[in-house]
Protein backbone atom coordinates (compact mmCIF):
# COMPACT_ATOMS: atom_id res chain seq x y z
CA MET A 1 112.80 96.34 96.94
CA PRO A 2 112.41 95.37 100.59
CA CYS A 3 108.80 94.30 100.14
CA GLU A 4 109.94 91.62 97.70
CA TYR A 5 111.74 89.84 100.54
CA THR A 6 108.74 89.34 102.82
CA PHE A 7 107.89 85.79 101.86
CA GLY A 8 104.80 83.80 102.73
CA GLN A 9 105.24 80.26 103.94
CA GLY A 10 106.65 78.15 101.13
CA GLN A 11 106.75 81.10 98.75
CA THR A 12 109.65 81.33 96.32
CA PRO A 13 111.38 84.63 95.47
CA GLU A 14 109.87 84.48 91.97
CA GLN A 15 106.37 83.96 93.38
CA ARG A 16 106.80 86.89 95.78
CA ARG A 17 108.12 89.14 93.01
CA GLN A 18 105.08 88.27 90.89
CA GLN A 19 102.76 88.91 93.83
CA VAL A 20 104.32 92.35 94.38
CA ASP A 21 104.12 93.15 90.66
CA ASP A 22 100.44 92.16 90.61
CA ALA A 23 99.72 94.36 93.65
CA LEU A 24 101.49 97.32 92.02
CA ARG A 25 99.58 96.88 88.74
CA LEU A 26 96.31 96.78 90.68
CA LEU A 27 97.34 99.90 92.61
CA GLU A 28 98.00 101.70 89.32
CA ARG A 29 94.50 100.77 88.09
CA LEU A 30 92.97 101.98 91.37
CA LEU A 31 94.90 105.25 91.16
CA ASP A 32 93.80 105.71 87.56
CA ALA A 33 90.17 105.10 88.56
CA ARG A 34 90.65 107.48 91.54
CA ARG A 35 89.53 104.79 93.98
CA VAL A 36 92.90 105.26 95.74
CA GLN A 37 94.38 108.71 96.34
CA VAL A 38 97.85 109.91 97.28
CA ARG A 39 98.03 111.92 100.51
CA ILE A 40 101.00 114.14 101.32
CA GLY A 41 102.07 114.70 104.92
CA PRO A 42 103.38 117.90 106.48
CA ASP A 43 106.99 116.92 105.71
CA GLY A 44 106.21 115.81 102.16
CA ALA A 45 105.97 112.05 102.74
CA GLY A 46 103.34 110.16 100.76
CA ALA A 47 100.69 107.59 101.57
CA PHE A 48 97.84 105.89 99.74
CA ALA A 49 94.31 106.52 101.03
CA GLY A 50 91.83 103.83 100.10
CA TRP A 51 94.34 101.09 99.32
CA VAL A 52 92.85 98.22 101.31
CA LYS A 53 94.73 95.38 102.96
CA GLU A 54 93.22 92.76 100.64
CA ASP A 55 94.74 94.52 97.60
CA ARG A 56 98.20 95.19 99.08
CA ALA A 57 99.69 91.68 99.25
CA GLY A 58 101.84 92.89 102.14
CA VAL A 59 103.28 95.81 100.14
CA THR A 60 103.70 98.99 102.18
CA ASP A 61 102.88 102.49 100.95
CA VAL A 62 106.56 103.46 101.04
CA CYS A 63 107.63 100.43 99.02
CA ALA A 64 104.86 100.94 96.44
CA LEU A 65 105.59 104.65 96.16
CA ARG A 66 109.29 104.03 95.59
CA ALA A 67 108.68 101.26 93.05
CA LEU A 68 106.07 103.13 91.02
CA ALA A 69 108.13 106.35 91.10
CA GLN A 70 111.15 104.42 89.83
CA GLN A 71 109.00 103.15 86.94
CA SER A 72 107.71 106.69 86.23
CA SER A 73 104.16 105.36 86.58
CA TRP A 74 101.74 107.70 84.82
CA PRO A 75 98.79 106.96 87.18
CA LEU A 76 101.08 107.68 90.16
CA ARG A 77 102.36 110.91 88.62
CA GLN A 78 98.80 112.08 88.01
CA ALA A 79 97.72 111.13 91.57
CA ILE A 80 100.73 112.98 93.01
CA ALA A 81 99.87 116.08 90.97
CA ARG A 82 96.31 116.02 92.33
CA ALA A 83 97.57 115.49 95.90
CA GLU A 84 100.08 118.35 95.60
CA ALA A 85 97.34 120.67 94.34
CA VAL A 86 95.00 119.73 97.19
CA SER A 87 97.59 119.80 99.99
CA GLY A 88 99.62 122.77 98.76
CA ARG A 89 102.79 120.74 99.37
CA LYS A 90 105.18 118.88 97.11
CA LEU A 91 105.90 115.18 97.54
CA ASN A 92 109.38 114.93 99.07
CA MET A 93 111.17 111.76 98.00
CA THR A 94 113.81 112.46 100.67
CA ALA A 95 111.11 112.06 103.33
CA VAL A 96 109.91 108.92 101.57
CA ALA A 97 113.46 107.54 101.46
CA ALA A 98 113.85 108.34 105.18
CA GLY A 99 110.89 106.06 105.86
CA VAL A 100 108.38 108.67 107.02
CA HIS A 101 105.03 106.93 106.62
CA SER A 102 101.39 106.65 107.60
CA HIS A 103 99.54 103.57 108.82
CA ASP A 104 96.11 105.08 108.23
CA GLY A 105 96.11 106.44 104.69
CA GLY A 106 97.63 109.79 105.53
CA THR A 107 95.67 110.85 108.61
CA THR A 108 98.67 110.55 110.96
CA TRP A 109 102.39 110.35 110.15
CA HIS A 110 105.31 108.52 111.76
CA PRO A 111 109.07 108.80 111.40
CA GLY A 112 110.85 105.82 109.88
CA HIS A 113 111.00 102.68 112.00
């Protein structure tokens, strides 16, 4: 995962991997508690509303979405189902893979960069 290769000063690859894993486990708990919600953009890309910078450990929405989807995360699957019902759109993993993303929890959307 690309977010595993964004090291802090003096951080080892193992330490970064653990930091990312911890951030993803916390995100799953926040999704389960509905303190963070999935938002789906017009093209089907996904973002996390309510996931604050202090909890992210430098992990982007796209990276977290890809990682949790790969793990078949139950809290993510439930949050996606709620988001699809609210937005009337399906999450499109092709748009996610293309890097379409939001910097503001799903209010505005940007092409991959």
